C-alpha atoms as a PDB file:
ATOM      1  CA  UNK A   1     -13.736   9.420  12.237  1.00  0.00           C
ATOM      2  CA  UNK A   2     -10.557   7.745  10.234  1.00  0.00           C
ATOM      3  CA  UNK A   3      -8.276   9.376  12.725  1.00  0.00           C
ATOM      4  CA  UNK A   4      -9.912   8.754  15.833  1.00  0.00           C
ATOM      5  CA  UNK A   5     -10.006   5.178  14.767  1.00  0.00           C
ATOM      6  CA  UNK A   6      -6.187   5.405  14.173  1.00  0.00           C
ATOM      7  CA  UNK A   7      -5.484   7.053  17.355  1.00  0.00           C
ATOM      8  CA  UNK A   8      -7.452   3.932  19.459  1.00  0.00           C
ATOM      9  CA  UNK A   9      -5.252   1.654  17.137  1.00  0.00           C
ATOM     10  CA  UNK A  10      -1.871   3.316  18.601  1.00  0.00           C
ATOM     11  CA  UNK A  11      -3.349   3.540  22.141  1.00  0.00           C
ATOM     12  CA  UNK A  12      -4.221  -0.507  21.791  1.00  0.00           C
ATOM     13  CA  UNK A  13      -0.694  -1.375  20.787  1.00  0.00           C
ATOM     14  CA  UNK A  14       0.537   1.145  23.517  1.00  0.00           C
ATOM     15  CA  UNK A  15      -1.391  -1.187  26.276  1.00  0.00           C
ATOM     16  CA  UNK A  16       0.254  -3.986  24.817  1.00  0.00           C
ATOM     17  CA  UNK A  17       3.837  -3.145  24.583  1.00  0.00           C
ATOM     18  CA  UNK A  18       5.061  -4.799  27.637  1.00  0.00           C
ATOM     19  CA  UNK A  19       4.312  -8.347  25.988  1.00  0.00           C
ATOM     20  CA  UNK A  20       6.570  -7.649  23.084  1.00  0.00           C
ATOM     21  CA  UNK A  21       9.302  -6.049  25.188  1.00  0.00           C
ATOM     22  CA  UNK A  22      13.004  -7.727  25.178  1.00  0.00           C
ATOM     23  CA  UNK A  23      16.271  -6.471  24.253  1.00  0.00           C
ATOM     24  CA  UNK A  24      17.656  -6.107  20.500  1.00  0.00           C
ATOM     25  CA  UNK A  25      19.389  -9.308  18.571  1.00  0.00           C
ATOM     26  CA  UNK A  26      22.787  -9.500  19.861  1.00  0.00           C
ATOM     27  CA  UNK A  27      26.192  -9.705  18.106  1.00  0.00           C
ATOM     28  CA  UNK A  28      24.722  -7.137  15.057  1.00  0.00           C
ATOM     29  CA  UNK A  29      27.165  -5.677  12.995  1.00  0.00           C
ATOM     30  CA  UNK A  30      28.487  -2.367  14.668  1.00  0.00           C
ATOM     31  CA  UNK A  31      26.019  -2.963  17.624  1.00  0.00           C
ATOM     32  CA  UNK A  32      22.991  -2.189  15.164  1.00  0.00           C
ATOM     33  CA  UNK A  33      21.174  -0.111  15.721  1.00  0.00           C
ATOM     34  CA  UNK A  34      23.418   1.972  17.453  1.00  0.00           C
ATOM     35  CA  UNK A  35      21.606   5.473  16.153  1.00  0.00           C
ATOM     36  CA  UNK A  36      18.391   6.460  14.985  1.00  0.00           C
ATOM     37  CA  UNK A  37      17.116   4.466  11.926  1.00  0.00           C
ATOM     38  CA  UNK A  38      15.434   6.961   9.395  1.00  0.00           C
ATOM     39  CA  UNK A  39      12.168   4.623   7.762  1.00  0.00           C
ATOM     40  CA  UNK A  40      11.091   6.527   4.506  1.00  0.00           C
ATOM     41  CA  UNK A  41       7.114   6.256   3.973  1.00  0.00           C
ATOM     42  CA  UNK A  42       6.668   6.184   0.369  1.00  0.00           C
ATOM     43  CA  UNK A  43       3.245   8.165   0.536  1.00  0.00           C
ATOM     44  CA  UNK A  44       1.892  10.851   2.298  1.00  0.00           C
ATOM     45  CA  UNK A  45       0.106  10.518   5.779  1.00  0.00           C
ATOM     46  CA  UNK A  46      -3.316   8.720   5.911  1.00  0.00           C
ATOM     47  CA  UNK A  47      -2.818   5.990   3.654  1.00  0.00           C
ATOM     48  CA  UNK A  48      -2.203   2.060   4.088  1.00  0.00           C
ATOM     49  CA  UNK A  49       1.715   2.396   4.003  1.00  0.00           C
ATOM     50  CA  UNK A  50       1.888   5.335   6.252  1.00  0.00           C
ATOM     51  CA  UNK A  51      -0.447   3.229   9.207  1.00  0.00           C
ATOM     52  CA  UNK A  52       1.697   0.227   8.574  1.00  0.00           C
ATOM     53  CA  UNK A  53       4.677   1.600   8.511  1.00  0.00           C
ATOM     54  CA  UNK A  54       4.326   3.793  11.698  1.00  0.00           C
ATOM     55  CA  UNK A  55       2.609   0.928  13.608  1.00  0.00           C
ATOM     56  CA  UNK A  56       5.086  -1.879  12.778  1.00  0.00           C
ATOM     57  CA  UNK A  57       7.985   0.391  13.439  1.00  0.00           C
ATOM     58  CA  UNK A  58       6.757   1.776  16.427  1.00  0.00           C
ATOM     59  CA  UNK A  59       6.494  -1.790  18.162  1.00  0.00           C
ATOM     60  CA  UNK A  60       9.960  -2.416  16.920  1.00  0.00           C
ATOM     61  CA  UNK A  61      11.209   0.240  18.355  1.00  0.00           C
ATOM     62  CA  UNK A  62       9.764  -0.953  21.818  1.00  0.00           C
ATOM     63  CA  UNK A  63      10.765  -4.254  21.486  1.00  0.00           C
ATOM     64  CA  UNK A  64      14.540  -3.591  20.689  1.00  0.00           C
ATOM     65  CA  UNK A  65      14.693  -0.177  22.923  1.00  0.00           C
ATOM     66  CA  UNK A  66      15.785   1.605  19.287  1.00  0.00           C
ATOM     67  CA  UNK A  67      14.618   4.718  17.791  1.00  0.00           C
ATOM     68  CA  UNK A  68      12.990   4.242  14.189  1.00  0.00           C
ATOM     69  CA  UNK A  69      12.052   7.759  12.808  1.00  0.00           C
ATOM     70  CA  UNK A  70       9.223   7.623  10.317  1.00  0.00           C
ATOM     71  CA  UNK A  71       9.659  10.359   7.616  1.00  0.00           C
ATOM     72  CA  UNK A  72       7.113  11.367   4.996  1.00  0.00           C
ATOM     73  CA  UNK A  73       9.196  14.124   3.875  1.00  0.00           C
ATOM     74  CA  UNK A  74      10.035  12.144   0.084  1.00  0.00           C
ATOM     75  CA  UNK A  75       6.062  11.323  -0.555  1.00  0.00           C
ATOM     76  CA  UNK A  76       5.573  12.498  -3.864  1.00  0.00           C
ATOM     77  CA  UNK A  77       6.057  11.417  -7.574  1.00  0.00           C
ATOM     78  CA  UNK A  78       4.336   8.310  -6.935  1.00  0.00           C
ATOM     79  CA  UNK A  79       6.814   7.292  -4.222  1.00  0.00           C
ATOM     80  CA  UNK A  80       9.775   7.681  -6.671  1.00  0.00           C
ATOM     81  CA  UNK A  81      11.520  10.308  -4.762  1.00  0.00           C
ATOM     82  CA  UNK A  82      11.676   7.911  -1.461  1.00  0.00           C
ATOM     83  CA  UNK A  83      12.197   4.861  -3.670  1.00  0.00           C
ATOM     84  CA  UNK A  84      15.418   6.841  -5.159  1.00  0.00           C
ATOM     85  CA  UNK A  85      16.742   8.321  -2.202  1.00  0.00           C
ATOM     86  CA  UNK A  86      16.778   4.645  -0.955  1.00  0.00           C
ATOM     87  CA  UNK A  87      18.490   3.269  -3.624  1.00  0.00           C
ATOM     88  CA  UNK A  88      21.230   5.758  -3.067  1.00  0.00           C
ATOM     89  CA  UNK A  89      21.686   5.240   0.842  1.00  0.00           C
ATOM     90  CA  UNK A  90      24.539   3.338   2.556  1.00  0.00           C
ATOM     91  CA  UNK A  91      23.303  -0.168   3.059  1.00  0.00           C
ATOM     92  CA  UNK A  92      24.056   0.227   6.609  1.00  0.00           C
ATOM     93  CA  UNK A  93      20.514  -0.367   8.097  1.00  0.00           C
ATOM     94  CA  UNK A  94      20.189   3.072   8.841  1.00  0.00           C
ATOM     95  CA  UNK A  95      18.150   3.811   5.681  1.00  0.00           C
ATOM     96  CA  UNK A  96      14.682   1.899   5.227  1.00  0.00           C
ATOM     97  CA  UNK A  97      11.646   2.173   3.421  1.00  0.00           C
ATOM     98  CA  UNK A  98       8.084   1.399   3.715  1.00  0.00           C
ATOM     99  CA  UNK A  99       6.956   0.899  -0.054  1.00  0.00           C
ATOM    100  CA  UNK A 100       4.353  -0.899  -1.764  1.00  0.00           C
ATOM    101  CA  UNK A 101       3.402  -2.605  -5.013  1.00  0.00           C
ATOM    102  CA  UNK A 102       1.946   0.679  -6.723  1.00  0.00           C
ATOM    103  CA  UNK A 103       5.489   2.161  -5.606  1.00  0.00           C
ATOM    104  CA  UNK A 104       7.341  -0.414  -7.596  1.00  0.00           C
ATOM    105  CA  UNK A 105       5.060   0.407 -10.537  1.00  0.00           C
ATOM    106  CA  UNK A 106       5.459   3.821 -10.502  1.00  0.00           C
ATOM    107  CA  UNK A 107       8.913   3.434 -10.179  1.00  0.00           C
ATOM    108  CA  UNK A 108       9.323   0.792 -12.664  1.00  0.00           C
ATOM    109  CA  UNK A 109       7.486   1.698 -15.732  1.00  0.00           C
ATOM    110  CA  UNK A 110       6.386   5.223 -15.807  1.00  0.00           C
ATOM    111  CA  UNK A 111      10.208   6.584 -16.846  1.00  0.00           C
ATOM    112  CA  UNK A 112      10.191   8.530 -13.481  1.00  0.00           C
ATOM    113  CA  UNK A 113      13.380   6.921 -12.625  1.00  0.00           C
ATOM    114  CA  UNK A 114      16.293   4.943 -14.115  1.00  0.00           C
ATOM    115  CA  UNK A 115      16.298   2.554 -11.447  1.00  0.00           C
ATOM    116  CA  UNK A 116      16.627  -1.172 -12.005  1.00  0.00           C
ATOM    117  CA  UNK A 117      13.668  -1.754  -9.113  1.00  0.00           C
ATOM    118  CA  UNK A 118      15.061  -5.471  -9.621  1.00  0.00           C
ATOM    119  CA  UNK A 119      18.788  -4.946  -8.475  1.00  0.00           C
ATOM    120  CA  UNK A 120      18.656  -1.932  -6.215  1.00  0.00           C
ATOM    121  CA  UNK A 121      16.980  -3.166  -3.538  1.00  0.00           C
ATOM    122  CA  UNK A 122      17.255  -5.702  -0.098  1.00  0.00           C
ATOM    123  CA  UNK A 123      13.288  -7.010   0.210  1.00  0.00           C
ATOM    124  CA  UNK A 124      13.312  -7.346   4.263  1.00  0.00           C
ATOM    125  CA  UNK A 125       9.571  -8.312   5.212  1.00  0.00           C
ATOM    126  CA  UNK A 126       6.260  -7.928   3.561  1.00  0.00           C
ATOM    127  CA  UNK A 127       3.707  -6.255   6.127  1.00  0.00           C
ATOM    128  CA  UNK A 128       0.312  -6.837   4.472  1.00  0.00           C
ATOM    129  CA  UNK A 129      -1.178  -7.924   1.299  1.00  0.00           C
ATOM    130  CA  UNK A 130      -4.898  -7.538   0.093  1.00  0.00           C
ATOM    131  CA  UNK A 131      -7.231  -6.017  -2.733  1.00  0.00           C
ATOM    132  CA  UNK A 132      -7.619  -2.401  -3.718  1.00  0.00           C
ATOM    133  CA  UNK A 133     -11.257  -0.916  -2.796  1.00  0.00           C
ATOM    134  CA  UNK A 134     -13.133   0.604  -5.744  1.00  0.00           C
ATOM    135  CA  UNK A 135     -14.623   3.574  -3.804  1.00  0.00           C
ATOM    136  CA  UNK A 136     -16.904   5.931  -4.594  1.00  0.00           C
ATOM    137  CA  UNK A 137     -18.856   9.368  -3.737  1.00  0.00           C
ATOM    138  CA  UNK A 138     -21.947   8.261  -1.890  1.00  0.00           C
ATOM    139  CA  UNK A 139     -24.391  10.777  -3.861  1.00  0.00           C
ATOM    140  CA  UNK A 140     -23.516   9.420  -6.850  1.00  0.00           C
ATOM    141  CA  UNK A 141     -26.363   7.167  -8.527  1.00  0.00           C
ATOM    142  CA  UNK A 142     -24.791   3.678  -8.848  1.00  0.00           C
ATOM    143  CA  UNK A 143     -23.827   1.365  -5.997  1.00  0.00           C
ATOM    144  CA  UNK A 144     -21.458  -1.189  -8.029  1.00  0.00           C
ATOM    145  CA  UNK A 145     -18.830  -1.265 -10.834  1.00  0.00           C
ATOM    146  CA  UNK A 146     -21.747  -2.609 -13.143  1.00  0.00           C
ATOM    147  CA  UNK A 147     -23.706   0.573 -12.297  1.00  0.00           C
ATOM    148  CA  UNK A 148     -20.547   2.851 -12.485  1.00  0.00           C
ATOM    149  CA  UNK A 149     -19.915   1.565 -15.998  1.00  0.00           C
ATOM    150  CA  UNK A 150     -23.518   2.115 -17.363  1.00  0.00           C
ATOM    151  CA  UNK A 151     -23.302   5.950 -15.768  1.00  0.00           C
ATOM    152  CA  UNK A 152     -20.263   6.380 -17.421  1.00  0.00           C
ATOM    153  CA  UNK A 153     -21.346   5.450 -20.757  1.00  0.00           C
ATOM    154  CA  UNK A 154     -24.224   7.544 -20.217  1.00  0.00           C
ATOM    155  CA  UNK A 155     -22.152  10.687 -19.146  1.00  0.00           C
ATOM    156  CA  UNK A 156     -18.967  10.743 -21.308  1.00  0.00           C
ATOM    157  CA  UNK A 157     -16.359  12.589 -20.066  1.00  0.00           C
ATOM    158  CA  UNK A 158     -17.592  13.387 -16.464  1.00  0.00           C
ATOM    159  CA  UNK A 159     -16.226  10.847 -14.283  1.00  0.00           C
ATOM    160  CA  UNK A 160     -13.352  11.296 -12.568  1.00  0.00           C
ATOM    161  CA  UNK A 161     -10.934   8.761 -10.293  1.00  0.00           C
ATOM    162  CA  UNK A 162      -8.262   9.539  -7.653  1.00  0.00           C
ATOM    163  CA  UNK A 163      -4.761   7.111  -7.410  1.00  0.00           C
ATOM    164  CA  UNK A 164      -1.622   7.787  -6.142  1.00  0.00           C
ATOM    165  CA  UNK A 165      -0.469   9.221 -10.095  1.00  0.00           C
ATOM    166  CA  UNK A 166       0.544   7.603 -13.261  1.00  0.00           C
ATOM    167  CA  UNK A 167       1.547   3.841 -13.057  1.00  0.00           C
ATOM    168  CA  UNK A 168       0.363   3.492  -9.288  1.00  0.00           C
ATOM    169  CA  UNK A 169      -2.042   0.273  -8.890  1.00  0.00           C
ATOM    170  CA  UNK A 170      -4.932   2.761  -8.260  1.00  0.00           C
ATOM    171  CA  UNK A 171      -4.113   3.967 -11.889  1.00  0.00           C
ATOM    172  CA  UNK A 172      -3.626   0.581 -13.654  1.00  0.00           C
ATOM    173  CA  UNK A 173      -6.777  -0.790 -11.958  1.00  0.00           C
ATOM    174  CA  UNK A 174      -8.746   2.132 -13.467  1.00  0.00           C
ATOM    175  CA  UNK A 175      -7.145   1.733 -16.988  1.00  0.00           C
ATOM    176  CA  UNK A 176      -8.171  -1.965 -16.528  1.00  0.00           C
ATOM    177  CA  UNK A 177     -11.824  -1.292 -16.247  1.00  0.00           C
ATOM    178  CA  UNK A 178     -11.777   1.444 -18.858  1.00  0.00           C
ATOM    179  CA  UNK A 179     -10.092  -1.148 -21.137  1.00  0.00           C
ATOM    180  CA  UNK A 180     -12.470  -4.347 -20.518  1.00  0.00           C
ATOM    181  CA  UNK A 181     -15.561  -2.127 -19.860  1.00  0.00           C
ATOM    182  CA  UNK A 182     -15.152   0.312 -22.856  1.00  0.00           C
ATOM    183  CA  UNK A 183     -15.535   3.456 -21.053  1.00  0.00           C
ATOM    184  CA  UNK A 184     -13.182   6.634 -19.970  1.00  0.00           C
ATOM    185  CA  UNK A 185     -12.456   8.349 -17.184  1.00  0.00           C
ATOM    186  CA  UNK A 186     -10.308  10.976 -15.959  1.00  0.00           C
ATOM    187  CA  UNK A 187      -7.380  10.650 -13.580  1.00  0.00           C
ATOM    188  CA  UNK A 188      -6.718  12.977 -10.800  1.00  0.00           C
ATOM    189  CA  UNK A 189      -3.067  12.419  -8.945  1.00  0.00           C
ATOM    190  CA  UNK A 190      -2.362  12.607  -5.551  1.00  0.00           C
ATOM    191  CA  UNK A 191       0.580  12.155  -2.984  1.00  0.00           C
ATOM    192  CA  UNK A 192      -1.389   9.742  -0.810  1.00  0.00           C
ATOM    193  CA  UNK A 193      -4.870   7.886  -1.093  1.00  0.00           C
ATOM    194  CA  UNK A 194      -5.653   9.939   2.448  1.00  0.00           C
ATOM    195  CA  UNK A 195      -5.993  13.198   0.241  1.00  0.00           C
ATOM    196  CA  UNK A 196      -8.082  11.500  -2.651  1.00  0.00           C
ATOM    197  CA  UNK A 197     -10.453  10.314   0.211  1.00  0.00           C
ATOM    198  CA  UNK A 198     -11.041  13.795   1.298  1.00  0.00           C
ATOM    199  CA  UNK A 199     -12.134  14.681  -2.381  1.00  0.00           C
ATOM    200  CA  UNK A 200     -14.272  11.606  -2.619  1.00  0.00           C
ATOM    201  CA  UNK A 201     -16.101  12.275   0.556  1.00  0.00           C
ATOM    202  CA  UNK A 202     -16.481  15.993  -0.551  1.00  0.00           C
ATOM    203  CA  UNK A 203     -18.182  14.965  -3.965  1.00  0.00           C
ATOM    204  CA  UNK A 204     -15.383  16.697  -5.415  1.00  0.00           C
ATOM    205  CA  UNK A 205     -14.054  13.168  -7.077  1.00  0.00           C
ATOM    206  CA  UNK A 206     -16.341  10.035  -8.178  1.00  0.00           C
ATOM    207  CA  UNK A 207     -14.226   7.487  -7.274  1.00  0.00           C
ATOM    208  CA  UNK A 208     -11.366   6.670  -5.390  1.00  0.00           C
ATOM    209  CA  UNK A 209      -8.701   3.189  -5.337  1.00  0.00           C
ATOM    210  CA  UNK A 210      -7.097   2.257  -2.536  1.00  0.00           C
ATOM    211  CA  UNK A 211      -6.003  -0.117  -0.358  1.00  0.00           C
ATOM    212  CA  UNK A 212      -8.365  -1.320   2.456  1.00  0.00           C
ATOM    213  CA  UNK A 213      -6.437   0.074   5.148  1.00  0.00           C
ATOM    214  CA  UNK A 214      -6.786   3.375   3.673  1.00  0.00           C
ATOM    215  CA  UNK A 215     -10.466   3.555   2.604  1.00  0.00           C
ATOM    216  CA  UNK A 216     -12.075   1.115   5.216  1.00  0.00           C
ATOM    217  CA  UNK A 217     -12.867   3.400   7.973  1.00  0.00           C
ATOM    218  CA  UNK A 218     -14.392   5.872   6.156  1.00  0.00           C
ATOM    219  CA  UNK A 219     -16.550   3.094   4.469  1.00  0.00           C
ATOM    220  CA  UNK A 220     -17.670   2.042   8.484  1.00  0.00           C
ATOM    221  CA  UNK A 221     -18.190   5.861   8.780  1.00  0.00           C
ATOM    222  CA  UNK A 222     -20.662   5.524   5.827  1.00  0.00           C
ATOM    223  CA  UNK A 223     -18.597   8.380   3.786  1.00  0.00           C
ATOM    224  CA  UNK A 224     -17.157   6.510   1.268  1.00  0.00           C
ATOM    225  CA  UNK A 225     -19.288   3.349  -0.794  1.00  0.00           C
ATOM    226  CA  UNK A 226     -17.616   0.511  -2.077  1.00  0.00           C
ATOM    227  CA  UNK A 227     -18.679  -0.391  -5.615  1.00  0.00           C
ATOM    228  CA  UNK A 228     -15.776  -3.391  -5.977  1.00  0.00           C
ATOM    229  CA  UNK A 229     -12.760  -5.261  -4.929  1.00  0.00           C
ATOM    230  CA  UNK A 230     -10.153  -5.719  -7.405  1.00  0.00           C
ATOM    231  CA  UNK A 231      -9.234  -9.599  -5.821  1.00  0.00           C
ATOM    232  CA  UNK A 232     -10.174 -12.873  -7.638  1.00  0.00           C
ATOM    233  CA  UNK A 233     -12.606 -13.862  -4.770  1.00  0.00           C
ATOM    234  CA  UNK A 234     -14.619 -11.911  -1.979  1.00  0.00           C
ATOM    235  CA  UNK A 235     -12.935 -10.406   1.021  1.00  0.00           C
ATOM    236  CA  UNK A 236     -13.850 -12.072   4.284  1.00  0.00           C
ATOM    237  CA  UNK A 237     -14.433  -8.772   5.941  1.00  0.00           C
ATOM    238  CA  UNK A 238     -16.892  -7.776   3.791  1.00  0.00           C
ATOM    239  CA  UNK A 239     -18.333 -10.698   1.656  1.00  0.00           C
ATOM    240  CA  UNK A 240     -21.668  -9.167   0.646  1.00  0.00           C
ATOM    241  CA  UNK A 241     -19.332  -6.941  -1.981  1.00  0.00           C
ATOM    242  CA  UNK A 242     -18.802  -8.593  -5.280  1.00  0.00           C
ATOM    243  CA  UNK A 243     -15.718  -8.509  -7.172  1.00  0.00           C
ATOM    244  CA  UNK A 244     -15.229  -6.537 -10.308  1.00  0.00           C
ATOM    245  CA  UNK A 245     -14.779 -10.412 -12.165  1.00  0.00           C
ATOM    246  CA  UNK A 246     -18.191 -10.811 -10.569  1.00  0.00           C
ATOM    247  CA  UNK A 247     -19.681  -7.823 -11.976  1.00  0.00           C
ATOM    248  CA  UNK A 248     -18.601  -8.750 -15.486  1.00  0.00           C
ATOM    249  CA  UNK A 249     -14.809  -8.068 -15.724  1.00  0.00           C
ATOM    250  CA  UNK A 250     -14.216 -11.257 -16.212  1.00  0.00           C
ATOM    251  CA  UNK A 251     -10.760 -12.580 -14.635  1.00  0.00           C
ATOM    252  CA  UNK A 252      -9.930  -9.012 -12.978  1.00  0.00           C
ATOM    253  CA  UNK A 253      -7.135 -10.050 -10.556  1.00  0.00           C
ATOM    254  CA  UNK A 254      -5.359  -7.119  -8.890  1.00  0.00           C
ATOM    255  CA  UNK A 255      -3.968  -7.197  -5.114  1.00  0.00           C
ATOM    256  CA  UNK A 256      -1.488  -5.008  -3.171  1.00  0.00           C
ATOM    257  CA  UNK A 257       0.723  -5.011  -0.531  1.00  0.00           C
ATOM    258  CA  UNK A 258       3.164  -2.932   1.894  1.00  0.00           C
ATOM    259  CA  UNK A 259       6.648  -3.733   2.839  1.00  0.00           C
ATOM    260  CA  UNK A 260       9.746  -2.979   3.979  1.00  0.00           C
ATOM    261  CA  UNK A 261      12.646  -2.509   1.960  1.00  0.00           C
ATOM    262  CA  UNK A 262      16.634  -0.879   1.921  1.00  0.00           C
ATOM    263  CA  UNK A 263      19.231  -0.564  -0.333  1.00  0.00           C
ATOM    264  CA  UNK A 264      20.793  -3.282  -2.019  1.00  0.00           C
ATOM    265  CA  UNK A 265      23.784  -5.015   0.004  1.00  0.00           C
ATOM    266  CA  UNK A 266      22.583  -4.680   3.021  1.00  0.00           C
ATOM    267  CA  UNK A 267      24.222  -6.895   5.714  1.00  0.00           C
ATOM    268  CA  UNK A 268      21.999 -10.288   5.863  1.00  0.00           C
ATOM    269  CA  UNK A 269      22.534 -10.519   9.402  1.00  0.00           C
ATOM    270  CA  UNK A 270      20.909  -6.864  10.012  1.00  0.00           C
ATOM    271  CA  UNK A 271      18.202  -8.194   7.351  1.00  0.00           C
ATOM    272  CA  UNK A 272      17.188 -11.526   9.110  1.00  0.00           C
ATOM    273  CA  UNK A 273      17.285 -10.157  12.470  1.00  0.00           C
ATOM    274  CA  UNK A 274      14.620  -7.181  11.241  1.00  0.00           C
ATOM    275  CA  UNK A 275      12.533  -9.909   9.372  1.00  0.00           C
ATOM    276  CA  UNK A 276      12.318 -11.816  12.423  1.00  0.00           C
ATOM    277  CA  UNK A 277      11.316  -9.335  14.855  1.00  0.00           C
ATOM    278  CA  UNK A 278       9.230  -7.809  12.043  1.00  0.00           C
ATOM    279  CA  UNK A 279       7.140 -11.005  11.438  1.00  0.00           C
ATOM    280  CA  UNK A 280       6.861 -11.670  15.118  1.00  0.00           C
ATOM    281  CA  UNK A 281       5.247  -8.495  16.046  1.00  0.00           C
ATOM    282  CA  UNK A 282       2.893  -9.116  13.305  1.00  0.00           C
ATOM    283  CA  UNK A 283       2.026 -12.435  14.514  1.00  0.00           C
ATOM    284  CA  UNK A 284       0.689 -11.420  17.835  1.00  0.00           C
ATOM    285  CA  UNK A 285      -2.905 -11.651  18.329  1.00  0.00           C
ATOM    286  CA  UNK A 286      -2.660  -7.749  19.155  1.00  0.00           C
ATOM    287  CA  UNK A 287      -1.278  -6.680  15.858  1.00  0.00           C
ATOM    288  CA  UNK A 288      -3.449  -8.949  13.911  1.00  0.00           C
ATOM    289  CA  UNK A 289      -6.663  -7.379  15.600  1.00  0.00           C
ATOM    290  CA  UNK A 290      -5.408  -3.970  14.951  1.00  0.00           C
ATOM    291  CA  UNK A 291      -4.752  -4.441  11.140  1.00  0.00           C
ATOM    292  CA  UNK A 292      -8.069  -6.217  10.846  1.00  0.00           C
ATOM    293  CA  UNK A 293      -9.949  -3.166  11.976  1.00  0.00           C
ATOM    294  CA  UNK A 294      -8.270  -1.470   9.333  1.00  0.00           C
ATOM    295  CA  UNK A 295      -9.657  -3.546   6.802  1.00  0.00           C
ATOM    296  CA  UNK A 296      -5.804  -5.272   6.134  1.00  0.00           C
ATOM    297  CA  UNK A 297      -4.663  -8.909   5.846  1.00  0.00           C
ATOM    298  CA  UNK A 298      -0.905  -9.551   7.633  1.00  0.00           C
ATOM    299  CA  UNK A 299       1.910 -11.899   5.713  1.00  0.00           C
ATOM    300  CA  UNK A 300       4.667 -12.491   7.177  1.00  0.00           C
ATOM    301  CA  UNK A 301       7.284 -14.248   5.539  1.00  0.00           C
ATOM    302  CA  UNK A 302      10.940 -14.283   4.704  1.00  0.00           C
ATOM    303  CA  UNK A 303      12.837 -12.146   2.617  1.00  0.00           C
ATOM    304  CA  UNK A 304      12.917 -14.441  -0.100  1.00  0.00           C
ATOM    305  CA  UNK A 305       9.253 -14.872  -0.181  1.00  0.00           C
ATOM    306  CA  UNK A 306       8.919 -11.099  -0.248  1.00  0.00           C
ATOM    307  CA  UNK A 307      10.916 -10.660  -2.993  1.00  0.00           C
ATOM    308  CA  UNK A 308       9.362 -12.855  -5.129  1.00  0.00           C
ATOM    309  CA  UNK A 309       6.271 -11.040  -4.332  1.00  0.00           C
ATOM    310  CA  UNK A 310       7.851  -7.844  -5.700  1.00  0.00           C
ATOM    311  CA  UNK A 311       9.361  -9.585  -8.991  1.00  0.00           C
ATOM    312  CA  UNK A 312       5.705 -11.515  -9.694  1.00  0.00           C
ATOM    313  CA  UNK A 313       3.855  -7.738  -9.126  1.00  0.00           C
ATOM    314  CA  UNK A 314       6.404  -6.376 -11.695  1.00  0.00           C
ATOM    315  CA  UNK A 315       6.102  -9.399 -13.911  1.00  0.00           C
ATOM    316  CA  UNK A 316       2.156  -9.772 -14.041  1.00  0.00           C
ATOM    317  CA  UNK A 317       2.221  -5.882 -14.937  1.00  0.00           C
ATOM    318  CA  UNK A 318       4.685  -5.999 -17.552  1.00  0.00           C
ATOM    319  CA  UNK A 319       2.334  -8.722 -19.233  1.00  0.00           C
ATOM    320  CA  UNK A 320      -0.754  -6.771 -18.485  1.00  0.00           C
ATOM    321  CA  UNK A 321       1.049  -3.380 -20.389  1.00  0.00           C
ATOM    322  CA  UNK A 322       1.839  -5.603 -23.177  1.00  0.00           C
ATOM    323  CA  UNK A 323      -1.650  -7.255 -23.405  1.00  0.00           C
ATOM    324  CA  UNK A 324      -3.724  -3.731 -23.153  1.00  0.00           C
ATOM    325  CA  UNK A 325      -0.946  -1.425 -24.842  1.00  0.00           C
ATOM    326  CA  UNK A 326      -1.351   1.019 -21.937  1.00  0.00           C
ATOM    327  CA  UNK A 327       1.790   3.484 -21.938  1.00  0.00           C
ATOM    328  CA  UNK A 328       2.570   4.439 -18.293  1.00  0.00           C
ATOM    329  CA  UNK A 329       5.077   7.042 -19.233  1.00  0.00           C
ATOM    330  CA  UNK A 330       3.824  10.597 -18.331  1.00  0.00           C
END
């Protein structure tokens, strides 16, 4: 079960905590963090963002001897609620957010928020990067996207897929598949990928589109079958699985990421301290193994590199929307 794998992952982290133990950086403004730090998570428990955030901040708490409190209470609306709360928070480092490319897309392009996502946040550290997986109910009569497209054409109006709302990366991926393949599927919206996976396993949903972290454990357990990946090249972890581009959707390329942001205007000393030690945590062999076991690739980098990733995601999506004529407003 996925829960047992995640529990094992956290046990492995606990056993290696001594190797990371050290005091927090000296000289930070206000002796930061002098009180618990609230870490908002923009999606419901069970998805890639939830795992990434809890894992990284558990280790940072151990490393600094500080308290970082994961908080899923503002999950919903595709992550917009948490994004708005973060934008309005004081830029003192005591409100952080685990967000994703998907959450940025929902906040930027669906009309759910008036926040200028290019200016309202301080990028701190990217955690993961990777392709999205297109998963299917194992009982459905196809094993790849080519077969799924043929099935959808033969059964109009019957295909359903799950994603974390209009404008999410999963929704945009599905819309691109439909646009390029000439098919129609019905979106079923969820607060988090974990919930849509449950329905796909039970056969109440044909397809589920999510991160490798969210889907890989269920694939290994034989409860979900992967019918395509959204990256331009095959993943090292599942080299036998063709990309969507290989299966007739020429040029298809959509990748996902998770990372840490805060409100605009955070003190650079706090940002750099968080970035430096998050990157040190991500660079340990133990952490690499934990995330690889969950199907995710780690991507340590500078705050500026993460800012460029965010802006690149927004720019690319804007071009796709113009090319396809797709409207994401609900």
